[in-house]
Amino acid sequence: MAEHCALSRNRFGELFKAALGMSPKQYLEQRRMRRAMSLLVHGDASIADIAERLAFCDAYHFSKRFKALTGLSPRHYRAHVRRSLPDQS
């Protein structure tokens, strides 16, 4: 991203953090996790499939990062949110 903006990595990181309040790495991880949340709730893909789709090295690493950021494992997150949704019947 920095190269695309014709900036050094450090300068790009400084400007990015000033604008969004987080580093580019944090922003990208947050986006990946939001996508994972959507896939978990609105799809039936396995945890391993979601991890692969979102370019995590494996399902274990994905699950560990997901739990660190949300407080729930992907499986528990899926079950918890689906229980709280109105019945689609």
C-alpha atoms as a PDB file:
ATOM      1  CA  MET A   1       0.000   0.000   0.000  1.00  0.00           C
ATOM      2  CA  ALA A   2       2.827   2.371   0.858  1.00  0.00           C
ATOM      3  CA  GLU A   3       4.463   1.820  -2.509  1.00  0.00           C
ATOM      4  CA  HIS A   4       1.176   2.442  -4.290  1.00  0.00           C
ATOM      5  CA  CYS A   5       0.960   5.807  -2.486  1.00  0.00           C
ATOM      6  CA  ALA A   6       4.617   6.606  -3.259  1.00  0.00           C
ATOM      7  CA  LEU A   7       5.446   6.780   0.460  1.00  0.00           C
ATOM      8  CA  SER A   8       7.904   4.986   2.680  1.00  0.00           C
ATOM      9  CA  ARG A   9       6.402   2.230   4.816  1.00  0.00           C
ATOM     10  CA  ASN A  10       7.029   4.255   7.962  1.00  0.00           C
ATOM     11  CA  ARG A  11       5.430   7.423   6.616  1.00  0.00           C
ATOM     12  CA  PHE A  12       2.463   5.523   5.240  1.00  0.00           C
ATOM     13  CA  GLY A  13       1.996   3.803   8.612  1.00  0.00           C
ATOM     14  CA  GLU A  14       2.113   7.133  10.444  1.00  0.00           C
ATOM     15  CA  LEU A  15      -0.454   8.745   8.146  1.00  0.00           C
ATOM     16  CA  PHE A  16      -2.674   5.682   8.174  1.00  0.00           C
ATOM     17  CA  LYS A  17      -2.663   5.522  11.973  1.00  0.00           C
ATOM     18  CA  ALA A  18      -3.355   9.251  12.236  1.00  0.00           C
ATOM     19  CA  ALA A  19      -6.347   8.893   9.910  1.00  0.00           C
ATOM     20  CA  LEU A  20      -7.852   5.649  11.190  1.00  0.00           C
ATOM     21  CA  GLY A  21      -6.425   5.232  14.682  1.00  0.00           C
ATOM     22  CA  MET A  22      -4.800   1.875  13.923  1.00  0.00           C
ATOM     23  CA  SER A  23      -1.924   0.450  11.930  1.00  0.00           C
ATOM     24  CA  PRO A  24      -2.463  -0.946   8.423  1.00  0.00           C
ATOM     25  CA  LYS A  25      -1.860  -4.445   9.824  1.00  0.00           C
ATOM     26  CA  GLN A  26      -4.497  -3.967  12.528  1.00  0.00           C
ATOM     27  CA  TYR A  27      -6.937  -2.595   9.967  1.00  0.00           C
ATOM     28  CA  LEU A  28      -6.464  -5.541   7.622  1.00  0.00           C
ATOM     29  CA  GLU A  29      -6.842  -8.043  10.450  1.00  0.00           C
ATOM     30  CA  GLN A  30     -10.010  -6.302  11.603  1.00  0.00           C
ATOM     31  CA  ARG A  31     -11.426  -6.508   8.061  1.00  0.00           C
ATOM     32  CA  ARG A  32     -10.570 -10.197   7.834  1.00  0.00           C
ATOM     33  CA  MET A  33     -12.264 -10.863  11.159  1.00  0.00           C
ATOM     34  CA  ARG A  34     -15.394  -8.967  10.153  1.00  0.00           C
ATOM     35  CA  ARG A  35     -15.520 -11.066   6.986  1.00  0.00           C
ATOM     36  CA  ALA A  36     -15.007 -14.206   9.072  1.00  0.00           C
ATOM     37  CA  MET A  37     -17.882 -13.191  11.366  1.00  0.00           C
ATOM     38  CA  SER A  38     -20.160 -12.790   8.377  1.00  0.00           C
ATOM     39  CA  LEU A  39     -19.122 -16.129   6.885  1.00  0.00           C
ATOM     40  CA  LEU A  40     -19.638 -17.870  10.222  1.00  0.00           C
ATOM     41  CA  VAL A  41     -23.130 -16.485  10.734  1.00  0.00           C
ATOM     42  CA  HIS A  42     -24.475 -16.461   7.185  1.00  0.00           C
ATOM     43  CA  GLY A  43     -22.825 -19.531   5.729  1.00  0.00           C
ATOM     44  CA  ASP A  44     -22.213 -23.165   6.445  1.00  0.00           C
ATOM     45  CA  ALA A  45     -18.517 -23.346   5.552  1.00  0.00           C
ATOM     46  CA  SER A  46     -16.307 -25.159   8.033  1.00  0.00           C
ATOM     47  CA  ILE A  47     -13.877 -23.269  10.237  1.00  0.00           C
ATOM     48  CA  ALA A  48     -11.017 -24.728   8.164  1.00  0.00           C
ATOM     49  CA  ASP A  49     -12.627 -23.541   4.918  1.00  0.00           C
ATOM     50  CA  ILE A  50     -13.111 -20.033   6.297  1.00  0.00           C
ATOM     51  CA  ALA A  51      -9.514 -19.941   7.532  1.00  0.00           C
ATOM     52  CA  GLU A  52      -8.262 -20.971   4.103  1.00  0.00           C
ATOM     53  CA  ARG A  53     -10.555 -18.540   2.302  1.00  0.00           C
ATOM     54  CA  LEU A  54      -9.270 -15.648   4.428  1.00  0.00           C
ATOM     55  CA  ALA A  55      -5.619 -16.675   3.946  1.00  0.00           C
ATOM     56  CA  PHE A  56      -4.817 -17.801   7.480  1.00  0.00           C
ATOM     57  CA  CYS A  57      -2.026 -20.364   7.636  1.00  0.00           C
ATOM     58  CA  ASP A  58      -4.370 -22.919   9.243  1.00  0.00           C
ATOM     59  CA  ALA A  59      -7.621 -23.306  11.163  1.00  0.00           C
ATOM     60  CA  TYR A  60      -5.824 -23.378  14.523  1.00  0.00           C
ATOM     61  CA  HIS A  61      -4.160 -19.996  13.915  1.00  0.00           C
ATOM     62  CA  PHE A  62      -7.450 -18.541  12.669  1.00  0.00           C
ATOM     63  CA  SER A  63      -9.345 -19.822  15.714  1.00  0.00           C
ATOM     64  CA  LYS A  64      -6.697 -18.506  18.096  1.00  0.00           C
ATOM     65  CA  ARG A  65      -6.725 -15.006  16.536  1.00  0.00           C
ATOM     66  CA  PHE A  66     -10.530 -14.974  16.327  1.00  0.00           C
ATOM     67  CA  LYS A  67     -10.880 -15.840  20.017  1.00  0.00           C
ATOM     68  CA  ALA A  68      -8.247 -13.272  21.011  1.00  0.00           C
ATOM     69  CA  LEU A  69     -10.191 -10.534  19.220  1.00  0.00           C
ATOM     70  CA  THR A  70     -13.784 -11.559  19.980  1.00  0.00           C
ATOM     71  CA  GLY A  71     -13.554 -13.541  23.206  1.00  0.00           C
ATOM     72  CA  LEU A  72     -15.290 -16.521  21.583  1.00  0.00           C
ATOM     73  CA  SER A  73     -14.077 -19.389  19.463  1.00  0.00           C
ATOM     74  CA  PRO A  74     -15.416 -19.334  15.887  1.00  0.00           C
ATOM     75  CA  ARG A  75     -17.693 -22.292  16.674  1.00  0.00           C
ATOM     76  CA  HIS A  76     -19.127 -20.629  19.785  1.00  0.00           C
ATOM     77  CA  TYR A  77     -19.469 -17.292  17.975  1.00  0.00           C
ATOM     78  CA  ARG A  78     -21.453 -18.974  15.170  1.00  0.00           C
ATOM     79  CA  ALA A  79     -23.782 -20.723  17.612  1.00  0.00           C
ATOM     80  CA  HIS A  80     -24.244 -17.676  19.853  1.00  0.00           C
ATOM     81  CA  VAL A  81     -25.081 -15.246  17.049  1.00  0.00           C
ATOM     82  CA  ARG A  82     -27.323 -17.675  15.187  1.00  0.00           C
ATOM     83  CA  ARG A  83     -29.327 -18.287  18.388  1.00  0.00           C
ATOM     84  CA  SER A  84     -29.896 -14.550  18.735  1.00  0.00           C
ATOM     85  CA  LEU A  85     -31.162 -14.066  15.152  1.00  0.00           C
ATOM     86  CA  PRO A  86     -34.897 -14.029  14.498  1.00  0.00           C
ATOM     87  CA  ASP A  87     -36.255 -17.268  13.084  1.00  0.00           C
ATOM     88  CA  GLN A  88     -36.125 -17.121   9.277  1.00  0.00           C
ATOM     89  CA  SER A  89     -39.014 -19.614   8.782  1.00  0.00           C
END
